[in-house]
Amino acid sequence: MARRRIQHYATDEIEVTFDPSRCIHYAACIRRLPAVFEAAARPWIRPEAATPEEIAQAVRACPTGALHYRLLRGGAAEQAEEARVRVLRDGPVVITGDVVVALEDGTEVVHDTRVALCRCGKSGNMPFCDNTHRAIGWRDGASDAAGVGRPKVDLEAASLEDGPRLA
């Protein structure tokens, strides 16, 4: 599993962390709060552009756990939501709750509130999804022998360090 340096963005009231190795460019953060999360800007996360509550809500929408927050002046800490497993069409399994991902031998890989796990088996960041399924044209068990209507999707050749992009 590839780990990249976790990035930190903070004000006096909130710290937002970003783990590029877990981002699949789902862009829920951008859609919910574009004033704070702007992929083309540097830095791409600007926590001073919204209230801590608004930022916390947008961060909790990140399905992969690439984004997290910590309130610096009290207030509720980020907590696990009710356990939920969603299989995204032609994409990863998204799990929320008090999630522990462990290897077969029991070694804990991550303990988090949100993860997106690979279903295509080709991720370069196993067991986490890294969007390889899009690059190789992987689809849910649909049997389309001729491949009609199932084009491969090319990902932009950009570093995950840049944060998510809307497709």
Protein backbone atom coordinates (compact mmCIF):
# COMPACT_ATOMS: atom_id res chain seq x y z
CA MET A 1 0.00 0.00 0.00
CA ALA A 2 1.45 3.34 -1.05
CA ARG A 3 1.40 6.07 1.58
CA ARG A 4 1.98 9.69 0.77
CA ARG A 5 2.67 12.52 3.13
CA ILE A 6 -0.53 13.75 4.77
CA GLN A 7 -1.15 17.43 4.06
CA HIS A 8 -2.41 19.83 6.77
CA TYR A 9 -4.49 22.98 6.30
CA ALA A 10 -5.57 24.98 9.34
CA THR A 11 -7.05 28.11 10.83
CA ASP A 12 -7.31 28.94 14.52
CA GLU A 13 -10.53 26.93 14.65
CA ILE A 14 -10.15 23.87 12.40
CA GLU A 15 -7.48 21.66 10.89
CA VAL A 16 -8.20 19.70 7.72
CA THR A 17 -5.93 16.84 6.71
CA PHE A 18 -5.67 15.33 3.24
CA ASP A 19 -4.15 11.92 2.43
CA PRO A 20 -3.50 11.89 -1.35
CA SER A 21 -3.01 8.12 -1.36
CA ARG A 22 -6.69 7.64 -0.42
CA CYS A 23 -8.25 10.20 -2.79
CA ILE A 24 -10.16 8.88 -5.83
CA HIS A 25 -11.30 12.30 -7.06
CA TYR A 26 -14.93 11.65 -6.14
CA ALA A 27 -15.06 15.45 -5.55
CA ALA A 28 -17.86 15.50 -2.95
CA CYS A 29 -15.82 18.15 -1.12
CA ILE A 30 -15.69 20.39 -4.21
CA ARG A 31 -19.40 20.01 -4.95
CA ARG A 32 -20.38 20.76 -1.34
CA LEU A 33 -17.99 23.61 -0.59
CA PRO A 34 -16.17 24.99 -3.66
CA ALA A 35 -15.04 28.11 -1.78
CA VAL A 36 -12.85 25.90 0.43
CA PHE A 37 -12.01 22.98 -1.85
CA GLU A 38 -10.80 24.27 -5.22
CA ALA A 39 -8.68 21.83 -7.19
CA ALA A 40 -7.12 24.48 -9.45
CA ALA A 41 -6.03 26.75 -6.56
CA ARG A 42 -2.84 26.50 -4.53
CA PRO A 43 -3.26 25.67 -1.77
CA TRP A 44 -6.27 23.68 -2.92
CA ILE A 45 -7.85 23.65 0.57
CA ARG A 46 -8.59 27.04 2.12
CA PRO A 47 -10.25 26.50 5.53
CA GLU A 48 -10.52 30.24 6.14
CA ALA A 49 -13.18 30.44 3.39
CA ALA A 50 -16.02 28.87 5.44
CA THR A 51 -17.13 28.13 8.97
CA PRO A 52 -15.71 25.10 10.78
CA GLU A 53 -19.19 23.54 10.80
CA GLU A 54 -19.54 23.90 7.01
CA ILE A 55 -16.08 22.44 6.48
CA ALA A 56 -16.76 19.52 8.83
CA GLN A 57 -19.94 18.70 6.92
CA ALA A 58 -18.12 18.74 3.56
CA VAL A 59 -15.25 16.61 4.91
CA ARG A 60 -17.68 14.00 6.24
CA ALA A 61 -19.02 13.66 2.67
CA CYS A 62 -15.64 12.34 1.48
CA PRO A 63 -16.33 8.63 0.92
CA THR A 64 -12.70 7.50 1.05
CA GLY A 65 -11.37 8.99 4.28
CA ALA A 66 -8.82 11.03 2.31
CA LEU A 67 -10.12 14.11 4.15
CA HIS A 68 -10.50 14.50 7.92
CA TYR A 69 -10.95 17.42 10.26
CA ARG A 70 -10.17 18.35 13.85
CA LEU A 71 -11.85 21.24 15.65
CA LEU A 72 -9.23 23.24 17.54
CA ARG A 73 -11.46 25.23 19.89
CA GLY A 74 -13.59 22.48 21.32
CA GLY A 75 -16.74 21.20 19.74
CA ALA A 76 -17.56 17.70 18.65
CA ALA A 77 -14.72 15.62 17.29
CA GLU A 78 -15.15 13.73 14.05
CA GLN A 79 -17.01 10.54 14.86
CA ALA A 80 -17.95 7.40 13.02
CA GLU A 81 -21.42 7.40 11.53
CA GLU A 82 -23.77 4.45 11.56
CA ALA A 83 -22.17 1.45 9.85
CA ARG A 84 -23.02 1.37 6.16
CA VAL A 85 -21.68 -0.48 3.13
CA ARG A 86 -22.36 0.87 -0.37
CA VAL A 87 -21.23 -0.69 -3.61
CA LEU A 88 -20.71 2.12 -6.10
CA ARG A 89 -21.70 1.19 -9.63
CA ASP A 90 -18.58 0.35 -11.62
CA GLY A 91 -16.49 1.47 -8.64
CA PRO A 92 -15.33 0.72 -5.12
CA VAL A 93 -17.07 -0.57 -2.02
CA VAL A 94 -17.53 2.42 0.30
CA ILE A 95 -17.73 1.61 3.99
CA THR A 96 -18.62 4.10 6.73
CA GLY A 97 -18.73 3.58 10.47
CA ASP A 98 -16.04 2.40 12.88
CA VAL A 99 -14.04 0.65 10.15
CA VAL A 100 -10.97 -1.49 10.69
CA VAL A 101 -9.22 -2.78 7.57
CA ALA A 102 -6.90 -5.68 8.37
CA LEU A 103 -4.76 -8.06 6.35
CA GLU A 104 -5.38 -11.80 6.36
CA ASP A 105 -2.80 -12.21 9.12
CA GLY A 106 -4.67 -9.69 11.29
CA THR A 107 -2.28 -6.78 10.71
CA GLU A 108 -4.32 -3.57 10.91
CA VAL A 109 -3.92 -1.44 7.80
CA VAL A 110 -6.19 1.40 8.87
CA HIS A 111 -8.78 2.25 11.53
CA ASP A 112 -10.99 5.00 10.15
CA THR A 113 -14.51 6.35 9.75
CA ARG A 114 -14.64 6.00 5.94
CA VAL A 115 -12.87 3.84 3.37
CA ALA A 116 -13.24 3.00 -0.32
CA LEU A 117 -12.04 -0.51 -1.10
CA CYS A 118 -10.99 -1.78 -4.53
CA ARG A 119 -13.29 -4.19 -6.39
CA CYS A 120 -11.44 -4.49 -9.70
CA GLY A 121 -8.37 -6.06 -8.09
CA LYS A 122 -5.94 -3.80 -9.96
CA SER A 123 -5.42 -0.89 -7.55
CA GLY A 124 -1.85 0.23 -6.99
CA ASN A 125 -2.88 1.07 -3.42
CA MET A 126 -4.55 -2.19 -2.34
CA PRO A 127 -6.83 -2.72 -0.56
CA PHE A 128 -7.93 0.86 -1.24
CA CYS A 129 -9.44 2.07 -4.50
CA ASP A 130 -7.19 4.36 -6.56
CA ASN A 131 -9.52 4.70 -9.59
CA THR A 132 -7.65 2.11 -11.65
CA HIS A 133 -11.06 0.62 -12.48
CA ARG A 134 -11.76 3.71 -14.59
CA ALA A 135 -8.43 3.56 -16.40
CA ILE A 136 -8.88 -0.09 -17.39
CA GLY A 137 -12.58 0.16 -18.21
CA TRP A 138 -13.63 -2.25 -15.45
CA ARG A 139 -17.38 -2.60 -15.03
CA ASP A 140 -19.69 -4.41 -12.61
CA GLY A 141 -20.36 -8.02 -13.72
CA ALA A 142 -22.26 -6.85 -16.82
CA SER A 143 -21.69 -9.36 -19.60
CA ASP A 144 -21.23 -7.45 -22.81
CA ALA A 145 -19.08 -9.76 -24.91
CA ALA A 146 -18.75 -7.27 -27.74
CA GLY A 147 -17.71 -4.49 -25.37
CA VAL A 148 -20.37 -2.22 -26.89
CA GLY A 149 -21.19 0.75 -24.70
CA ARG A 150 -18.28 0.04 -22.38
CA PRO A 151 -15.47 2.39 -23.43
CA LYS A 152 -12.33 2.76 -21.39
CA VAL A 153 -12.04 6.00 -19.50
CA ASP A 154 -8.67 7.73 -19.55
CA LEU A 155 -7.66 9.47 -16.35
CA GLU A 156 -5.84 12.77 -16.57
CA ALA A 157 -2.12 12.37 -16.07
CA ALA A 158 -1.98 14.46 -12.91
CA SER A 159 -0.59 13.80 -9.50
CA LEU A 160 -2.94 12.79 -6.70
CA GLU A 161 -1.04 15.36 -4.64
CA ASP A 162 -3.11 18.01 -6.44
CA GLY A 163 -6.38 16.91 -4.86
CA PRO A 164 -9.61 15.90 -6.56
CA ARG A 165 -10.92 17.08 -9.90
CA LEU A 166 -14.44 17.01 -11.25
CA ALA A 167 -14.66 14.65 -14.22
